[in-house]
Amino acid sequence: NEYKSYLRVIDQGYKTMVELKEIDEARLYTDNVYRYSYYSAFVEFSETDIKLIHESAKFLGGRVGVLVDKVYDKLFSFSCTKEVFFRERVKHDKDVDVDVNLNQYSQSTPQIGMRKAALKIFIVKLVTKPYDEKMIEEFDRMGWIHTAVSGKTSINVALIHMNALLGFLQDAVIEEIFRYKNSDEEGAEELDAEGTVRAFGKAVSILGDFIAKWYEDPRCRKGAQETFQPEAATLLGVWSLLTGILSYAYNWFNQWLLNVISARH
């Protein structure tokens, strides 16, 4: 039996090798649908996962407001994340007193009301809308609107804060899944809690990738060494040469000046 199990492992490995999927890596950065398809295949995000996410709408729908409030309470509990909204108050809170400090700035402002409403709409889309090209565009937009790219002057958030937010949101959703599963509410007993948690984990991971894409250094991509490093090395060499010449000239001038002063004395 042990030998047969060993053969099955070898056979499975052989099949994996035979079924190797060729990926055009350059296209991953130019074609969002292709990127989504690759990532989904890698994490095995399937129609079954999407169905479980959609089925969660029946108990998450009424809790979206609670989720959003939890997110903003968390964002307002750290200076670095609250600062993001504090910087934007002049743009959005024109009818209220903006001459407040960071500690005084509260969630009861037009800006936070607007942003909470936008997050509610996004969460509802996640649990009700098809995972098609429009959803992919929405995932990509979530990265674009939070970065200062192409001269955009809207809100600019560091990647570490975006990742922290996604991690917190995912955990809050998992909490809601098990809250419902352990309740006496209708349909709770039939809920596939494990499958739903895994499905949301994959979906949030995909969203996180589309957000991170906007922060990625192009030098980290495949082929970047051939296209970037030689040029960078040339510029670095020229700069090193120039700084060397300037340093030599500076030292020579100082020595000449000291000689002149010494000769006069």
Protein backbone atom coordinates (compact mmCIF):
# COMPACT_ATOMS: atom_id res chain seq x y z
CA ASN A 1 0.00 0.00 0.00
CA GLU A 2 2.84 2.37 0.83
CA TYR A 3 4.47 1.59 -2.51
CA LYS A 4 1.20 2.24 -4.36
CA SER A 5 0.83 5.57 -2.57
CA TYR A 6 4.36 6.46 -3.64
CA LEU A 7 3.51 5.63 -7.25
CA ARG A 8 0.42 7.82 -7.09
CA VAL A 9 2.54 10.73 -5.89
CA ILE A 10 4.97 10.21 -8.80
CA ASP A 11 2.07 9.91 -11.23
CA GLN A 12 0.51 13.11 -9.92
CA GLY A 13 3.85 14.90 -10.24
CA TYR A 14 4.15 13.67 -13.81
CA LYS A 15 0.69 14.96 -14.64
CA THR A 16 1.56 18.32 -13.10
CA MET A 17 4.63 18.54 -15.31
CA VAL A 18 2.67 17.59 -18.42
CA GLU A 19 -0.05 20.14 -17.68
CA LEU A 20 2.39 23.02 -17.26
CA LYS A 21 0.65 26.27 -18.16
CA GLU A 22 2.61 28.77 -20.22
CA ILE A 23 2.22 32.34 -18.97
CA ASP A 24 3.14 35.48 -20.90
CA GLU A 25 4.62 37.47 -18.03
CA ALA A 26 4.81 40.75 -19.91
CA ARG A 27 1.07 40.54 -20.56
CA LEU A 28 0.37 40.30 -16.82
CA TYR A 29 1.21 44.01 -16.61
CA THR A 30 -0.77 45.16 -19.63
CA ASP A 31 -3.92 43.00 -19.63
CA ASN A 32 -5.97 43.06 -16.43
CA VAL A 33 -8.25 40.21 -17.50
CA TYR A 34 -5.21 38.05 -18.27
CA ARG A 35 -3.70 38.98 -14.89
CA TYR A 36 -6.94 38.11 -13.11
CA SER A 37 -7.20 34.78 -14.96
CA TYR A 38 -3.64 33.83 -14.02
CA TYR A 39 -3.99 34.79 -10.38
CA SER A 40 -7.39 33.09 -10.07
CA ALA A 41 -6.00 29.88 -11.57
CA PHE A 42 -3.00 29.98 -9.25
CA VAL A 43 -5.07 30.33 -6.04
CA GLU A 44 -7.84 28.14 -7.51
CA PHE A 45 -10.52 30.81 -7.23
CA SER A 46 -13.47 29.08 -8.90
CA GLU A 47 -17.14 29.52 -9.70
CA THR A 48 -17.85 27.57 -6.51
CA ASP A 49 -15.99 30.23 -4.52
CA ILE A 50 -17.93 33.01 -6.25
CA LYS A 51 -21.21 31.22 -5.51
CA LEU A 52 -20.32 30.97 -1.82
CA ILE A 53 -19.45 34.68 -1.73
CA HIS A 54 -22.76 35.56 -3.37
CA GLU A 55 -24.68 33.33 -0.96
CA SER A 56 -23.09 35.19 1.94
CA ALA A 57 -25.01 38.30 0.90
CA LYS A 58 -28.07 37.00 2.75
CA PHE A 59 -26.36 37.44 6.11
CA LEU A 60 -23.62 39.97 5.27
CA GLY A 61 -25.98 42.38 3.51
CA GLY A 62 -27.49 43.62 6.73
CA ARG A 63 -24.08 43.86 8.40
CA VAL A 64 -22.26 46.00 5.83
CA GLY A 65 -22.75 49.11 7.92
CA VAL A 66 -21.24 47.34 10.95
CA LEU A 67 -18.23 46.23 8.87
CA VAL A 68 -17.62 49.73 7.53
CA ASP A 69 -17.87 51.28 11.00
CA LYS A 70 -15.32 48.74 12.28
CA VAL A 71 -12.96 49.61 9.43
CA TYR A 72 -13.13 53.36 10.08
CA ASP A 73 -12.83 52.95 13.84
CA LYS A 74 -9.61 51.06 13.12
CA LEU A 75 -8.37 53.62 10.59
CA PHE A 76 -8.98 56.41 13.11
CA SER A 77 -7.12 54.58 15.87
CA PHE A 78 -3.66 55.03 14.27
CA SER A 79 -2.10 58.41 13.52
CA CYS A 80 -0.59 57.30 10.19
CA THR A 81 -3.93 56.13 8.75
CA LYS A 82 -6.01 58.92 10.27
CA GLU A 83 -3.53 61.42 8.84
CA VAL A 84 -4.52 60.31 5.31
CA PHE A 85 -8.05 61.66 5.85
CA PHE A 86 -6.89 64.63 7.90
CA ARG A 87 -4.84 65.86 4.93
CA GLU A 88 -7.91 65.73 2.70
CA ARG A 89 -10.25 67.67 5.00
CA VAL A 90 -9.77 71.01 3.21
CA LYS A 91 -11.04 69.49 -0.06
CA HIS A 92 -14.10 67.74 1.32
CA ASP A 93 -15.07 69.43 4.59
CA LYS A 94 -15.53 72.97 3.31
CA ASP A 95 -18.70 73.61 5.33
CA VAL A 96 -17.21 72.57 8.67
CA ASP A 97 -14.35 73.83 10.80
CA VAL A 98 -11.11 72.57 9.29
CA ASP A 99 -8.93 74.37 11.84
CA VAL A 100 -8.70 71.33 14.07
CA ASN A 101 -5.78 69.12 14.98
CA LEU A 102 -5.42 65.43 14.20
CA ASN A 103 -6.85 64.30 17.54
CA GLN A 104 -9.90 66.54 17.17
CA TYR A 105 -10.75 65.41 13.65
CA SER A 106 -13.77 63.10 13.87
CA GLN A 107 -15.71 60.71 11.65
CA SER A 108 -18.78 62.96 11.69
CA THR A 109 -17.61 64.98 8.68
CA PRO A 110 -18.77 65.08 5.05
CA GLN A 111 -15.54 63.45 3.84
CA ILE A 112 -15.84 60.40 6.09
CA GLY A 113 -19.54 60.08 5.31
CA MET A 114 -18.68 60.02 1.60
CA ARG A 115 -15.89 57.49 2.03
CA LYS A 116 -17.98 55.21 4.23
CA ALA A 117 -20.73 55.22 1.62
CA ALA A 118 -18.21 54.31 -1.10
CA LEU A 119 -16.84 51.39 0.94
CA LYS A 120 -20.37 50.11 1.59
CA ILE A 121 -21.09 50.13 -2.15
CA PHE A 122 -17.86 48.26 -2.86
CA ILE A 123 -18.56 45.53 -0.27
CA VAL A 124 -22.07 45.07 -1.64
CA LYS A 125 -20.60 44.66 -5.13
CA LEU A 126 -18.23 41.98 -3.82
CA VAL A 127 -21.10 39.84 -2.55
CA THR A 128 -23.68 40.49 -5.28
CA LYS A 129 -22.07 41.29 -8.63
CA PRO A 130 -20.54 38.91 -11.21
CA TYR A 131 -16.77 38.52 -11.15
CA ASP A 132 -16.42 39.71 -14.72
CA GLU A 133 -14.52 42.47 -16.53
CA LYS A 134 -16.42 45.16 -14.62
CA MET A 135 -15.38 43.62 -11.30
CA ILE A 136 -11.79 43.39 -12.51
CA GLU A 137 -11.94 47.08 -13.46
CA GLU A 138 -13.25 47.81 -9.96
CA PHE A 139 -10.38 45.88 -8.37
CA ASP A 140 -7.89 47.81 -10.49
CA ARG A 141 -9.56 51.11 -9.71
CA MET A 142 -9.16 50.48 -5.99
CA GLY A 143 -5.41 50.60 -6.49
CA TRP A 144 -5.44 53.56 -8.86
CA ILE A 145 -7.56 55.86 -6.68
CA HIS A 146 -5.29 55.39 -3.67
CA THR A 147 -2.00 56.20 -5.41
CA ALA A 148 -0.55 59.43 -6.77
CA VAL A 149 -0.06 58.34 -10.38
CA SER A 150 -0.22 60.23 -13.67
CA GLY A 151 -0.35 63.55 -11.85
CA LYS A 152 -3.49 62.54 -9.94
CA THR A 153 -3.92 64.70 -6.85
CA SER A 154 -6.54 62.68 -4.99
CA ILE A 155 -5.92 60.67 -1.84
CA ASN A 156 -2.50 59.00 -1.67
CA VAL A 157 -2.05 56.03 0.67
CA ALA A 158 1.12 54.03 1.32
CA LEU A 159 0.93 50.33 0.42
CA ILE A 160 1.54 49.18 4.00
CA HIS A 161 -1.69 50.91 5.08
CA MET A 162 -3.64 49.37 2.19
CA ASN A 163 -2.38 45.90 3.12
CA ALA A 164 -3.24 46.46 6.77
CA LEU A 165 -6.74 47.58 5.80
CA LEU A 166 -7.32 44.50 3.65
CA GLY A 167 -6.08 42.23 6.43
CA PHE A 168 -8.40 43.85 8.94
CA LEU A 169 -11.38 43.78 6.56
CA GLN A 170 -10.83 40.10 5.78
CA ASP A 171 -10.69 39.26 9.48
CA ALA A 172 -13.87 41.28 10.13
CA VAL A 173 -15.68 39.37 7.37
CA ILE A 174 -14.50 36.03 8.80
CA GLU A 175 -15.83 37.11 12.19
CA GLU A 176 -19.22 37.83 10.61
CA ILE A 177 -19.24 34.45 8.86
CA PHE A 178 -18.74 32.57 12.13
CA ARG A 179 -21.12 34.87 13.99
CA TYR A 180 -23.83 33.82 11.55
CA LYS A 181 -22.76 30.15 11.51
CA ASN A 182 -23.00 29.94 15.31
CA SER A 183 -26.33 31.76 15.47
CA ASP A 184 -29.91 30.49 15.37
CA GLU A 185 -30.66 32.49 12.26
CA GLU A 186 -32.37 30.83 9.31
CA GLY A 187 -29.90 29.01 7.04
CA ALA A 188 -27.00 29.25 9.50
CA GLU A 189 -26.75 25.51 9.98
CA GLU A 190 -26.42 24.86 6.24
CA LEU A 191 -23.69 27.47 5.73
CA ASP A 192 -20.39 26.10 4.43
CA ALA A 193 -18.32 28.28 6.76
CA GLU A 194 -14.96 26.80 5.80
CA GLY A 195 -15.61 27.15 2.08
CA THR A 196 -16.91 30.70 2.49
CA VAL A 197 -13.88 31.76 4.53
CA ARG A 198 -11.53 30.30 1.93
CA ALA A 199 -13.48 31.95 -0.90
CA PHE A 200 -13.22 35.39 0.71
CA GLY A 201 -9.54 34.80 1.40
CA LYS A 202 -8.91 34.20 -2.29
CA ALA A 203 -11.03 37.17 -3.38
CA VAL A 204 -9.26 39.55 -0.99
CA SER A 205 -5.90 38.19 -2.16
CA ILE A 206 -6.81 38.96 -5.78
CA LEU A 207 -7.98 42.45 -4.81
CA GLY A 208 -4.73 42.97 -2.92
CA ASP A 209 -2.73 42.03 -5.99
CA PHE A 210 -4.51 44.60 -8.16
CA ILE A 211 -3.92 47.25 -5.52
CA ALA A 212 -0.24 46.32 -5.12
CA LYS A 213 0.23 46.46 -8.89
CA TRP A 214 0.03 50.26 -8.73
CA TYR A 215 2.85 50.38 -6.20
CA GLU A 216 5.14 47.86 -7.86
CA ASP A 217 8.61 48.93 -8.92
CA PRO A 218 8.97 48.00 -12.62
CA ARG A 219 12.57 47.00 -11.91
CA CYS A 220 11.24 43.96 -10.02
CA ARG A 221 9.58 42.47 -13.09
CA LYS A 222 11.02 39.71 -15.23
CA GLY A 223 13.32 41.10 -17.89
CA ALA A 224 13.87 44.33 -15.99
CA GLN A 225 17.53 43.48 -15.43
CA GLU A 226 18.20 43.48 -19.15
CA THR A 227 16.32 46.73 -19.76
CA PHE A 228 17.11 48.70 -16.63
CA GLN A 229 20.31 47.74 -14.90
CA PRO A 230 22.85 48.51 -17.66
CA GLU A 231 21.38 51.97 -18.11
CA ALA A 232 21.29 52.51 -14.37
CA ALA A 233 24.86 51.27 -14.08
CA THR A 234 25.99 53.72 -16.78
CA LEU A 235 24.33 56.64 -15.01
CA LEU A 236 25.81 55.53 -11.72
CA GLY A 237 29.25 55.31 -13.31
CA VAL A 238 29.00 58.82 -14.78
CA TRP A 239 27.79 60.19 -11.47
CA SER A 240 30.64 58.47 -9.59
CA LEU A 241 33.16 59.92 -12.06
CA LEU A 242 31.77 63.44 -11.70
CA THR A 243 31.69 63.30 -7.91
CA GLY A 244 35.25 61.96 -7.95
CA ILE A 245 36.48 64.84 -10.14
CA LEU A 246 34.66 67.42 -8.00
CA SER A 247 36.07 65.90 -4.82
CA TYR A 248 39.58 65.98 -6.27
CA ALA A 249 39.16 69.58 -7.43
CA TYR A 250 37.80 70.63 -4.03
CA ASN A 251 40.74 69.03 -2.19
CA TRP A 252 43.25 70.55 -4.65
CA PHE A 253 41.75 74.03 -4.21
CA ASN A 254 41.85 73.73 -0.40
CA GLN A 255 45.49 72.65 -0.51
CA TRP A 256 46.37 75.51 -2.90
CA LEU A 257 44.58 78.00 -0.64
CA LEU A 258 46.45 76.73 2.43
CA ASN A 259 49.77 77.06 0.56
CA VAL A 260 48.96 80.63 -0.41
CA ILE A 261 48.04 81.54 3.16
CA SER A 262 51.18 79.90 4.53
CA ALA A 263 53.38 81.74 2.02
CA ARG A 264 51.97 85.11 3.07
CA HIS A 265 52.74 84.38 6.69
